[in-house]
PDB file of N, CA and C in Angstrom:
ATOM      1  N   MET A   1     -15.257  18.339  -3.773  1.00  0.00           N
ATOM      2  CA  MET A   1     -14.073  18.084  -4.577  1.00  0.00           C
ATOM      3  C   MET A   1     -13.174  19.327  -4.551  1.00  0.00           C
ATOM      4  N   LYS A   2     -11.893  19.071  -4.323  1.00  0.00           N
ATOM      5  CA  LYS A   2     -10.941  20.176  -4.331  1.00  0.00           C
ATOM      6  C   LYS A   2     -10.635  20.566  -5.772  1.00  0.00           C
ATOM      7  N   GLU A   3     -10.475  21.865  -6.001  1.00  0.00           N
ATOM      8  CA  GLU A   3     -10.145  22.375  -7.325  1.00  0.00           C
ATOM      9  C   GLU A   3      -9.003  23.379  -7.232  1.00  0.00           C
ATOM     10  N   ILE A   4      -8.262  23.478  -8.326  1.00  0.00           N
ATOM     11  CA  ILE A   4      -7.172  24.435  -8.415  1.00  0.00           C
ATOM     12  C   ILE A   4      -7.199  25.053  -9.805  1.00  0.00           C
ATOM     13  N   LEU A   5      -6.864  26.327  -9.886  1.00  0.00           N
ATOM     14  CA  LEU A   5      -6.821  27.016 -11.172  1.00  0.00           C
ATOM     15  C   LEU A   5      -5.497  26.747 -11.870  1.00  0.00           C
ATOM     16  N   VAL A   6      -5.530  26.771 -13.191  1.00  0.00           N
ATOM     17  CA  VAL A   6      -4.318  26.574 -13.993  1.00  0.00           C
ATOM     18  C   VAL A   6      -3.221  27.534 -13.544  1.00  0.00           C
ATOM     19  N   GLU A   7      -3.571  28.784 -13.318  1.00  0.00           N
ATOM     20  CA  GLU A   7      -2.584  29.789 -12.916  1.00  0.00           C
ATOM     21  C   GLU A   7      -1.918  29.435 -11.592  1.00  0.00           C
ATOM     22  N   GLN A   8      -2.663  28.826 -10.692  1.00  0.00           N
ATOM     23  CA  GLN A   8      -2.097  28.417  -9.410  1.00  0.00           C
ATOM     24  C   GLN A   8      -1.097  27.270  -9.592  1.00  0.00           C
ATOM     25  N   VAL A   9      -1.409  26.350 -10.486  1.00  0.00           N
ATOM     26  CA  VAL A   9      -0.483  25.254 -10.782  1.00  0.00           C
ATOM     27  C   VAL A   9       0.780  25.814 -11.411  1.00  0.00           C
ATOM     28  N   GLN A  10       0.625  26.716 -12.375  1.00  0.00           N
ATOM     29  CA  GLN A  10       1.773  27.320 -13.045  1.00  0.00           C
ATOM     30  C   GLN A  10       2.650  28.064 -12.048  1.00  0.00           C
ATOM     31  N   GLN A  11       2.047  28.756 -11.098  1.00  0.00           N
ATOM     32  CA  GLN A  11       2.803  29.492 -10.084  1.00  0.00           C
ATOM     33  C   GLN A  11       3.586  28.535  -9.192  1.00  0.00           C
ATOM     34  N   ARG A  12       2.974  27.440  -8.798  1.00  0.00           N
ATOM     35  CA  ARG A  12       3.670  26.454  -7.967  1.00  0.00           C
ATOM     36  C   ARG A  12       4.899  25.913  -8.687  1.00  0.00           C
ATOM     37  N   ILE A  13       4.746  25.608  -9.962  1.00  0.00           N
ATOM     38  CA  ILE A  13       5.863  25.099 -10.754  1.00  0.00           C
ATOM     39  C   ILE A  13       6.941  26.166 -10.892  1.00  0.00           C
ATOM     40  N   LEU A  14       6.529  27.408 -11.138  1.00  0.00           N
ATOM     41  CA  LEU A  14       7.461  28.520 -11.319  1.00  0.00           C
ATOM     42  C   LEU A  14       8.350  28.731 -10.098  1.00  0.00           C
ATOM     43  N   VAL A  15       7.791  28.573  -8.908  1.00  0.00           N
ATOM     44  CA  VAL A  15       8.579  28.793  -7.684  1.00  0.00           C
ATOM     45  C   VAL A  15       9.346  27.538  -7.262  1.00  0.00           C
ATOM     46  N   GLY A  16       9.260  26.480  -8.067  1.00  0.00           N
ATOM     47  CA  GLY A  16      10.040  25.284  -7.801  1.00  0.00           C
ATOM     48  C   GLY A  16       9.401  24.270  -6.878  1.00  0.00           C
ATOM     49  N   GLU A  17       8.126  24.456  -6.586  1.00  0.00           N
ATOM     50  CA  GLU A  17       7.429  23.500  -5.734  1.00  0.00           C
ATOM     51  C   GLU A  17       7.255  22.180  -6.488  1.00  0.00           C
ATOM     52  N   THR A  18       7.402  21.085  -5.790  1.00  0.00           N
ATOM     53  CA  THR A  18       7.171  19.783  -6.395  1.00  0.00           C
ATOM     54  C   THR A  18       5.669  19.561  -6.502  1.00  0.00           C
ATOM     55  N   VAL A  19       5.193  19.367  -7.720  1.00  0.00           N
ATOM     56  CA  VAL A  19       3.783  19.060  -7.940  1.00  0.00           C
ATOM     57  C   VAL A  19       3.690  17.731  -8.674  1.00  0.00           C
ATOM     58  N   HIS A  20       2.721  16.953  -8.303  1.00  0.00           N
ATOM     59  CA  HIS A  20       2.498  15.649  -8.919  1.00  0.00           C
ATOM     60  C   HIS A  20       1.261  15.765  -9.799  1.00  0.00           C
ATOM     61  N   LEU A  21       1.499  15.780 -11.104  1.00  0.00           N
ATOM     62  CA  LEU A  21       0.420  15.958 -12.067  1.00  0.00           C
ATOM     63  C   LEU A  21       0.069  14.624 -12.705  1.00  0.00           C
ATOM     64  N   LEU A  22      -1.205  14.299 -12.697  1.00  0.00           N
ATOM     65  CA  LEU A  22      -1.706  13.086 -13.337  1.00  0.00           C
ATOM     66  C   LEU A  22      -2.597  13.508 -14.497  1.00  0.00           C
ATOM     67  N   ASP A  23      -2.153  13.204 -15.713  1.00  0.00           N
ATOM     68  CA  ASP A  23      -2.892  13.551 -16.924  1.00  0.00           C
ATOM     69  C   ASP A  23      -3.736  12.351 -17.322  1.00  0.00           C
ATOM     70  N   VAL A  24      -5.063  12.546 -17.426  1.00  0.00           N
ATOM     71  CA  VAL A  24      -5.974  11.443 -17.725  1.00  0.00           C
ATOM     72  C   VAL A  24      -6.505  11.484 -19.161  1.00  0.00           C
ATOM     73  N   ARG A  25      -5.854  12.277 -20.018  1.00  0.00           N
ATOM     74  CA  ARG A  25      -6.275  12.328 -21.426  1.00  0.00           C
ATOM     75  C   ARG A  25      -5.810  11.068 -22.159  1.00  0.00           C
ATOM     76  N   GLU A  26      -6.288  10.918 -23.385  1.00  0.00           N
ATOM     77  CA  GLU A  26      -5.894   9.790 -24.223  1.00  0.00           C
ATOM     78  C   GLU A  26      -4.470   9.991 -24.731  1.00  0.00           C
ATOM     79  N   VAL A  27      -3.848   8.900 -25.177  1.00  0.00           N
ATOM     80  CA  VAL A  27      -2.453   8.918 -25.610  1.00  0.00           C
ATOM     81  C   VAL A  27      -2.203   9.961 -26.691  1.00  0.00           C
ATOM     82  N   ASP A  28      -3.054  10.011 -27.719  1.00  0.00           N
ATOM     83  CA  ASP A  28      -2.831  10.960 -28.816  1.00  0.00           C
ATOM     84  C   ASP A  28      -2.925  12.410 -28.346  1.00  0.00           C
ATOM     85  N   GLU A  29      -3.790  12.695 -27.390  1.00  0.00           N
ATOM     86  CA  GLU A  29      -3.908  14.054 -26.855  1.00  0.00           C
ATOM     87  C   GLU A  29      -2.634  14.453 -26.115  1.00  0.00           C
ATOM     88  N   VAL A  30      -2.116  13.525 -25.327  1.00  0.00           N
ATOM     89  CA  VAL A  30      -0.918  13.800 -24.540  1.00  0.00           C
ATOM     90  C   VAL A  30       0.285  13.990 -25.452  1.00  0.00           C
ATOM     91  N   GLN A  31       0.372  13.204 -26.513  1.00  0.00           N
ATOM     92  CA  GLN A  31       1.484  13.330 -27.450  1.00  0.00           C
ATOM     93  C   GLN A  31       1.473  14.667 -28.176  1.00  0.00           C
ATOM     94  N   GLN A  32       0.315  15.277 -28.341  1.00  0.00           N
ATOM     95  CA  GLN A  32       0.214  16.582 -28.993  1.00  0.00           C
ATOM     96  C   GLN A  32       0.745  17.703 -28.102  1.00  0.00           C
ATOM     97  N   GLY A  33       0.795  17.479 -26.818  1.00  0.00           N
ATOM     98  CA  GLY A  33       1.328  18.467 -25.887  1.00  0.00           C
ATOM     99  C   GLY A  33       0.897  18.178 -24.466  1.00  0.00           C
ATOM    100  N   HIS A  34       1.887  18.180 -23.571  1.00  0.00           N
ATOM    101  CA  HIS A  34       1.602  17.925 -22.168  1.00  0.00           C
ATOM    102  C   HIS A  34       2.536  18.738 -21.278  1.00  0.00           C
ATOM    103  N   ILE A  35       2.163  18.865 -20.037  1.00  0.00           N
ATOM    104  CA  ILE A  35       2.974  19.566 -19.053  1.00  0.00           C
ATOM    105  C   ILE A  35       4.181  18.685 -18.742  1.00  0.00           C
ATOM    106  N   PRO A  36       5.381  19.243 -18.746  1.00  0.00           N
ATOM    107  CA  PRO A  36       6.574  18.443 -18.432  1.00  0.00           C
ATOM    108  C   PRO A  36       6.453  17.768 -17.066  1.00  0.00           C
ATOM    109  N   GLY A  37       6.867  16.513 -16.997  1.00  0.00           N
ATOM    110  CA  GLY A  37       6.904  15.791 -15.732  1.00  0.00           C
ATOM    111  C   GLY A  37       5.628  15.098 -15.313  1.00  0.00           C
ATOM    112  N   ILE A  38       4.633  15.046 -16.192  1.00  0.00           N
ATOM    113  CA  ILE A  38       3.372  14.420 -15.811  1.00  0.00           C
ATOM    114  C   ILE A  38       3.496  12.904 -15.680  1.00  0.00           C
ATOM    115  N   LEU A  39       2.550  12.326 -14.968  1.00  0.00           N
ATOM    116  CA  LEU A  39       2.293  10.900 -15.001  1.00  0.00           C
ATOM    117  C   LEU A  39       1.053  10.763 -15.868  1.00  0.00           C
ATOM    118  N   HIS A  40       1.066   9.846 -16.821  1.00  0.00           N
ATOM    119  CA  HIS A  40      -0.058   9.694 -17.735  1.00  0.00           C
ATOM    120  C   HIS A  40      -0.767   8.372 -17.506  1.00  0.00           C
ATOM    121  N   ILE A  41      -2.037   8.450 -17.126  1.00  0.00           N
ATOM    122  CA  ILE A  41      -2.904   7.280 -17.042  1.00  0.00           C
ATOM    123  C   ILE A  41      -4.241   7.696 -17.652  1.00  0.00           C
ATOM    124  N   PRO A  42      -4.580   7.192 -18.845  1.00  0.00           N
ATOM    125  CA  PRO A  42      -5.866   7.558 -19.448  1.00  0.00           C
ATOM    126  C   PRO A  42      -7.029   7.226 -18.510  1.00  0.00           C
ATOM    127  N   LEU A  43      -8.056   8.042 -18.540  1.00  0.00           N
ATOM    128  CA  LEU A  43      -9.200   7.876 -17.648  1.00  0.00           C
ATOM    129  C   LEU A  43      -9.764   6.457 -17.705  1.00  0.00           C
ATOM    130  N   GLY A  44      -9.864   5.886 -18.901  1.00  0.00           N
ATOM    131  CA  GLY A  44     -10.425   4.550 -19.043  1.00  0.00           C
ATOM    132  C   GLY A  44      -9.605   3.451 -18.383  1.00  0.00           C
ATOM    133  N   LEU A  45      -8.355   3.721 -18.083  1.00  0.00           N
ATOM    134  CA  LEU A  45      -7.487   2.734 -17.436  1.00  0.00           C
ATOM    135  C   LEU A  45      -7.255   3.023 -15.958  1.00  0.00           C
ATOM    136  N   LEU A  46      -7.798   4.121 -15.470  1.00  0.00           N
ATOM    137  CA  LEU A  46      -7.490   4.584 -14.120  1.00  0.00           C
ATOM    138  C   LEU A  46      -7.828   3.548 -13.047  1.00  0.00           C
ATOM    139  N   GLU A  47      -8.993   2.920 -13.141  1.00  0.00           N
ATOM    140  CA  GLU A  47      -9.356   1.953 -12.098  1.00  0.00           C
ATOM    141  C   GLU A  47      -8.417   0.752 -12.083  1.00  0.00           C
ATOM    142  N   PHE A  48      -7.782   0.456 -13.221  1.00  0.00           N
ATOM    143  CA  PHE A  48      -6.869  -0.682 -13.306  1.00  0.00           C
ATOM    144  C   PHE A  48      -5.431  -0.313 -12.946  1.00  0.00           C
ATOM    145  N   ARG A  49      -5.108   0.984 -12.989  1.00  0.00           N
ATOM    146  CA  ARG A  49      -3.733   1.411 -12.733  1.00  0.00           C
ATOM    147  C   ARG A  49      -3.595   2.305 -11.499  1.00  0.00           C
ATOM    148  N   MET A  50      -4.657   2.513 -10.762  1.00  0.00           N
ATOM    149  CA  MET A  50      -4.565   3.419  -9.613  1.00  0.00           C
ATOM    150  C   MET A  50      -3.593   2.909  -8.562  1.00  0.00           C
ATOM    151  N   HIS A  51      -3.269   1.612  -8.595  1.00  0.00           N
ATOM    152  CA  HIS A  51      -2.281   1.065  -7.658  1.00  0.00           C
ATOM    153  C   HIS A  51      -0.896   1.679  -7.892  1.00  0.00           C
ATOM    154  N   GLU A  52      -0.688   2.331  -9.041  1.00  0.00           N
ATOM    155  CA  GLU A  52       0.586   2.996  -9.326  1.00  0.00           C
ATOM    156  C   GLU A  52       0.718   4.325  -8.581  1.00  0.00           C
ATOM    157  N   LEU A  53      -0.378   4.787  -8.001  1.00  0.00           N
ATOM    158  CA  LEU A  53      -0.394   6.055  -7.276  1.00  0.00           C
ATOM    159  C   LEU A  53      -0.180   5.803  -5.786  1.00  0.00           C
ATOM    160  N   ASP A  54       0.352   6.808  -5.108  1.00  0.00           N
ATOM    161  CA  ASP A  54       0.609   6.738  -3.670  1.00  0.00           C
ATOM    162  C   ASP A  54      -0.480   7.523  -2.938  1.00  0.00           C
ATOM    163  N   LYS A  55      -1.183   6.875  -2.044  1.00  0.00           N
ATOM    164  CA  LYS A  55      -2.272   7.553  -1.322  1.00  0.00           C
ATOM    165  C   LYS A  55      -1.762   8.674  -0.417  1.00  0.00           C
ATOM    166  N   ASN A  56      -0.455   8.711  -0.131  1.00  0.00           N
ATOM    167  CA  ASN A  56       0.109   9.767   0.706  1.00  0.00           C
ATOM    168  C   ASN A  56       0.636  10.947  -0.110  1.00  0.00           C
ATOM    169  N   THR A  57       0.532  10.876  -1.424  1.00  0.00           N
ATOM    170  CA  THR A  57       1.018  11.933  -2.303  1.00  0.00           C
ATOM    171  C   THR A  57      -0.168  12.716  -2.849  1.00  0.00           C
ATOM    172  N   PRO A  58      -0.140  14.052  -2.740  1.00  0.00           N
ATOM    173  CA  PRO A  58      -1.223  14.834  -3.343  1.00  0.00           C
ATOM    174  C   PRO A  58      -1.017  14.944  -4.860  1.00  0.00           C
ATOM    175  N   TYR A  59      -2.069  14.678  -5.613  1.00  0.00           N
ATOM    176  CA  TYR A  59      -2.016  14.749  -7.076  1.00  0.00           C
ATOM    177  C   TYR A  59      -2.948  15.831  -7.585  1.00  0.00           C
ATOM    178  N   ILE A  60      -2.507  16.493  -8.650  1.00  0.00           N
ATOM    179  CA  ILE A  60      -3.360  17.423  -9.390  1.00  0.00           C
ATOM    180  C   ILE A  60      -3.737  16.704 -10.676  1.00  0.00           C
ATOM    181  N   ILE A  61      -5.041  16.575 -10.916  1.00  0.00           N
ATOM    182  CA  ILE A  61      -5.534  15.802 -12.046  1.00  0.00           C
ATOM    183  C   ILE A  61      -5.825  16.748 -13.216  1.00  0.00           C
ATOM    184  N   VAL A  62      -5.308  16.354 -14.404  1.00  0.00           N
ATOM    185  CA  VAL A  62      -5.344  17.207 -15.596  1.00  0.00           C
ATOM    186  C   VAL A  62      -6.027  16.477 -16.748  1.00  0.00           C
ATOM    187  N   CYS A  63      -6.828  17.206 -17.532  1.00  0.00           N
ATOM    188  CA  CYS A  63      -7.353  16.691 -18.795  1.00  0.00           C
ATOM    189  C   CYS A  63      -7.436  17.853 -19.784  1.00  0.00           C
ATOM    190  N   ARG A  64      -8.227  17.725 -20.814  1.00  0.00           N
ATOM    191  CA  ARG A  64      -8.318  18.772 -21.828  1.00  0.00           C
ATOM    192  C   ARG A  64      -9.031  20.013 -21.306  1.00  0.00           C
ATOM    193  N   SER A  65     -10.209  19.816 -20.677  1.00  0.00           N
ATOM    194  CA  SER A  65     -11.013  20.966 -20.269  1.00  0.00           C
ATOM    195  C   SER A  65     -11.374  20.991 -18.788  1.00  0.00           C
ATOM    196  N   GLY A  66     -11.195  19.870 -18.104  1.00  0.00           N
ATOM    197  CA  GLY A  66     -11.545  19.792 -16.688  1.00  0.00           C
ATOM    198  C   GLY A  66     -12.668  18.825 -16.391  1.00  0.00           C
ATOM    199  N   ALA A  67     -13.357  18.330 -17.427  1.00  0.00           N
ATOM    200  CA  ALA A  67     -14.480  17.409 -17.202  1.00  0.00           C
ATOM    201  C   ALA A  67     -14.003  16.003 -16.839  1.00  0.00           C
ATOM    202  N   ARG A  68     -13.132  15.420 -17.666  1.00  0.00           N
ATOM    203  CA  ARG A  68     -12.619  14.076 -17.366  1.00  0.00           C
ATOM    204  C   ARG A  68     -11.814  14.075 -16.081  1.00  0.00           C
ATOM    205  N   SER A  69     -11.028  15.139 -15.877  1.00  0.00           N
ATOM    206  CA  SER A  69     -10.241  15.198 -14.641  1.00  0.00           C
ATOM    207  C   SER A  69     -11.165  15.327 -13.430  1.00  0.00           C
ATOM    208  N   GLY A  70     -12.309  15.946 -13.603  1.00  0.00           N
ATOM    209  CA  GLY A  70     -13.289  16.022 -12.524  1.00  0.00           C
ATOM    210  C   GLY A  70     -13.817  14.642 -12.166  1.00  0.00           C
ATOM    211  N   ARG A  71     -14.100  13.833 -13.187  1.00  0.00           N
ATOM    212  CA  ARG A  71     -14.558  12.456 -12.940  1.00  0.00           C
ATOM    213  C   ARG A  71     -13.453  11.638 -12.277  1.00  0.00           C
ATOM    214  N   ALA A  72     -12.219  11.801 -12.764  1.00  0.00           N
ATOM    215  CA  ALA A  72     -11.084  11.076 -12.187  1.00  0.00           C
ATOM    216  C   ALA A  72     -10.853  11.505 -10.745  1.00  0.00           C
ATOM    217  N   THR A  73     -10.957  12.801 -10.484  1.00  0.00           N
ATOM    218  CA  THR A  73     -10.775  13.322  -9.127  1.00  0.00           C
ATOM    219  C   THR A  73     -11.811  12.729  -8.183  1.00  0.00           C
ATOM    220  N   ALA A  74     -13.075  12.723  -8.604  1.00  0.00           N
ATOM    221  CA  ALA A  74     -14.141  12.173  -7.760  1.00  0.00           C
ATOM    222  C   ALA A  74     -13.905  10.686  -7.491  1.00  0.00           C
ATOM    223  N   PHE A  75     -13.534   9.935  -8.529  1.00  0.00           N
ATOM    224  CA  PHE A  75     -13.283   8.497  -8.379  1.00  0.00           C
ATOM    225  C   PHE A  75     -12.130   8.240  -7.417  1.00  0.00           C
ATOM    226  N   LEU A  76     -10.999   8.923  -7.644  1.00  0.00           N
ATOM    227  CA  LEU A  76      -9.825   8.689  -6.794  1.00  0.00           C
ATOM    228  C   LEU A  76     -10.060   9.145  -5.360  1.00  0.00           C
ATOM    229  N   GLN A  77     -10.800  10.226  -5.207  1.00  0.00           N
ATOM    230  CA  GLN A  77     -11.116  10.704  -3.853  1.00  0.00           C
ATOM    231  C   GLN A  77     -11.923   9.637  -3.105  1.00  0.00           C
ATOM    232  N   GLU A  78     -12.866   8.997  -3.794  1.00  0.00           N
ATOM    233  CA  GLU A  78     -13.658   7.926  -3.179  1.00  0.00           C
ATOM    234  C   GLU A  78     -12.780   6.740  -2.768  1.00  0.00           C
ATOM    235  N   GLN A  79     -11.648   6.568  -3.449  1.00  0.00           N
ATOM    236  CA  GLN A  79     -10.733   5.463  -3.155  1.00  0.00           C
ATOM    237  C   GLN A  79      -9.698   5.837  -2.088  1.00  0.00           C
ATOM    238  N   GLY A  80      -9.775   7.085  -1.589  1.00  0.00           N
ATOM    239  CA  GLY A  80      -8.894   7.498  -0.510  1.00  0.00           C
ATOM    240  C   GLY A  80      -7.648   8.265  -0.928  1.00  0.00           C
ATOM    241  N   TYR A  81      -7.596   8.713  -2.181  1.00  0.00           N
ATOM    242  CA  TYR A  81      -6.436   9.471  -2.662  1.00  0.00           C
ATOM    243  C   TYR A  81      -6.624  10.959  -2.401  1.00  0.00           C
ATOM    244  N   ASP A  82      -5.502  11.677  -2.254  1.00  0.00           N
ATOM    245  CA  ASP A  82      -5.486  13.131  -2.065  1.00  0.00           C
ATOM    246  C   ASP A  82      -5.365  13.764  -3.450  1.00  0.00           C
ATOM    247  N   VAL A  83      -6.494  14.166  -4.018  1.00  0.00           N
ATOM    248  CA  VAL A  83      -6.518  14.644  -5.402  1.00  0.00           C
ATOM    249  C   VAL A  83      -7.242  15.979  -5.522  1.00  0.00           C
ATOM    250  N   THR A  84      -6.795  16.762  -6.515  1.00  0.00           N
ATOM    251  CA  THR A  84      -7.369  18.069  -6.798  1.00  0.00           C
ATOM    252  C   THR A  84      -7.557  18.190  -8.307  1.00  0.00           C
ATOM    253  N   ASN A  85      -8.708  18.664  -8.726  1.00  0.00           N
ATOM    254  CA  ASN A  85      -9.007  18.845 -10.144  1.00  0.00           C
ATOM    255  C   ASN A  85      -8.462  20.186 -10.639  1.00  0.00           C
ATOM    256  N   MET A  86      -7.700  20.166 -11.756  1.00  0.00           N
ATOM    257  CA  MET A  86      -7.235  21.410 -12.372  1.00  0.00           C
ATOM    258  C   MET A  86      -8.326  21.943 -13.295  1.00  0.00           C
ATOM    259  N   VAL A  87      -8.981  22.998 -12.855  1.00  0.00           N
ATOM    260  CA  VAL A  87     -10.092  23.602 -13.584  1.00  0.00           C
ATOM    261  C   VAL A  87      -9.592  24.255 -14.882  1.00  0.00           C
ATOM    262  N   GLY A  88     -10.292  23.999 -15.975  1.00  0.00           N
ATOM    263  CA  GLY A  88      -9.926  24.601 -17.251  1.00  0.00           C
ATOM    264  C   GLY A  88      -9.037  23.730 -18.106  1.00  0.00           C
ATOM    265  N   GLY A  89      -8.347  22.776 -17.476  1.00  0.00           N
ATOM    266  CA  GLY A  89      -7.522  21.813 -18.195  1.00  0.00           C
ATOM    267  C   GLY A  89      -6.474  22.422 -19.104  1.00  0.00           C
ATOM    268  N   MET A  90      -6.051  21.609 -20.065  1.00  0.00           N
ATOM    269  CA  MET A  90      -4.985  22.030 -20.979  1.00  0.00           C
ATOM    270  C   MET A  90      -5.430  23.146 -21.914  1.00  0.00           C
ATOM    271  N   LEU A  91      -6.725  23.325 -22.097  1.00  0.00           N
ATOM    272  CA  LEU A  91      -7.205  24.439 -22.917  1.00  0.00           C
ATOM    273  C   LEU A  91      -6.799  25.779 -22.304  1.00  0.00           C
ATOM    274  N   ALA A  92      -6.664  25.817 -20.987  1.00  0.00           N
ATOM    275  CA  ALA A  92      -6.297  27.049 -20.293  1.00  0.00           C
ATOM    276  C   ALA A  92      -4.801  27.164 -20.027  1.00  0.00           C
ATOM    277  N   TRP A  93      -4.047  26.115 -20.286  1.00  0.00           N
ATOM    278  CA  TRP A  93      -2.616  26.089 -19.992  1.00  0.00           C
ATOM    279  C   TRP A  93      -1.864  26.999 -20.961  1.00  0.00           C
ATOM    280  N   GLN A  94      -1.059  27.915 -20.428  1.00  0.00           N
ATOM    281  CA  GLN A  94      -0.335  28.870 -21.266  1.00  0.00           C
ATOM    282  C   GLN A  94       1.181  28.688 -21.219  1.00  0.00           C
ATOM    283  N   ASP A  95       1.666  27.858 -20.326  1.00  0.00           N
ATOM    284  CA  ASP A  95       3.108  27.659 -20.189  1.00  0.00           C
ATOM    285  C   ASP A  95       3.619  26.621 -21.190  1.00  0.00           C
ATOM    286  N   ALA A  96       4.902  26.335 -21.095  1.00  0.00           N
ATOM    287  CA  ALA A  96       5.553  25.399 -22.005  1.00  0.00           C
ATOM    288  C   ALA A  96       4.939  24.007 -21.900  1.00  0.00           C
ATOM    289  N   MET A  97       4.922  23.343 -23.045  1.00  0.00           N
ATOM    290  CA  MET A  97       4.459  21.967 -23.116  1.00  0.00           C
ATOM    291  C   MET A  97       5.495  21.145 -23.856  1.00  0.00           C
ATOM    292  N   GLU A  98       5.514  19.864 -23.556  1.00  0.00           N
ATOM    293  CA  GLU A  98       6.377  18.933 -24.267  1.00  0.00           C
ATOM    294  C   GLU A  98       5.531  18.160 -25.264  1.00  0.00           C
ATOM    295  N   GLN A  99       6.160  17.745 -26.356  1.00  0.00           N
ATOM    296  CA  GLN A  99       5.469  16.919 -27.343  1.00  0.00           C
ATOM    297  C   GLN A  99       6.327  15.695 -27.614  1.00  0.00           C
ATOM    298  N   GLU A 100       6.160  14.710 -26.777  1.00  0.00           N
ATOM    299  CA  GLU A 100       6.951  13.480 -26.879  1.00  0.00           C
ATOM    300  C   GLU A 100       6.228  12.364 -26.187  1.00  0.00           C
ATOM    301  N   GLU A 101       6.817  11.184 -26.250  1.00  0.00           N
ATOM    302  CA  GLU A 101       6.251  10.029 -25.559  1.00  0.00           C
ATOM    303  C   GLU A 101       6.293  10.260 -24.051  1.00  0.00           C
ATOM    304  N   VAL A 102       5.269   9.794 -23.361  1.00  0.00           N
ATOM    305  CA  VAL A 102       5.216   9.888 -21.905  1.00  0.00           C
ATOM    306  C   VAL A 102       4.942   8.496 -21.354  1.00  0.00           C
ATOM    307  N   GLN A 103       5.118   8.353 -20.020  1.00  0.00           N
ATOM    308  CA  GLN A 103       4.866   7.057 -19.390  1.00  0.00           C
ATOM    309  C   GLN A 103       3.398   6.719 -19.413  1.00  0.00           C
TER     310      GLN A 103
END
């Protein structure tokens, strides 16, 4: 399984690189704070909504600590998606977060 550190994700965003972030936390967790521009699909709905993802797009998978995103990464990788787990999750995130409704 591919992994990326929070600091590496933050650096990519800082330099203006397009990153596709998939947050697999629950709705209430995401509403409390999320990385701007995320796509939100709770882990429990992922198998039913994975058709919303593009197999040609690399995604960085995000959760609270890295455990759920690890499960999501393994599942999506088995389905043929290009996915990377963000180690440390939102607990390690130090940059700006939004607190609003997300998709």
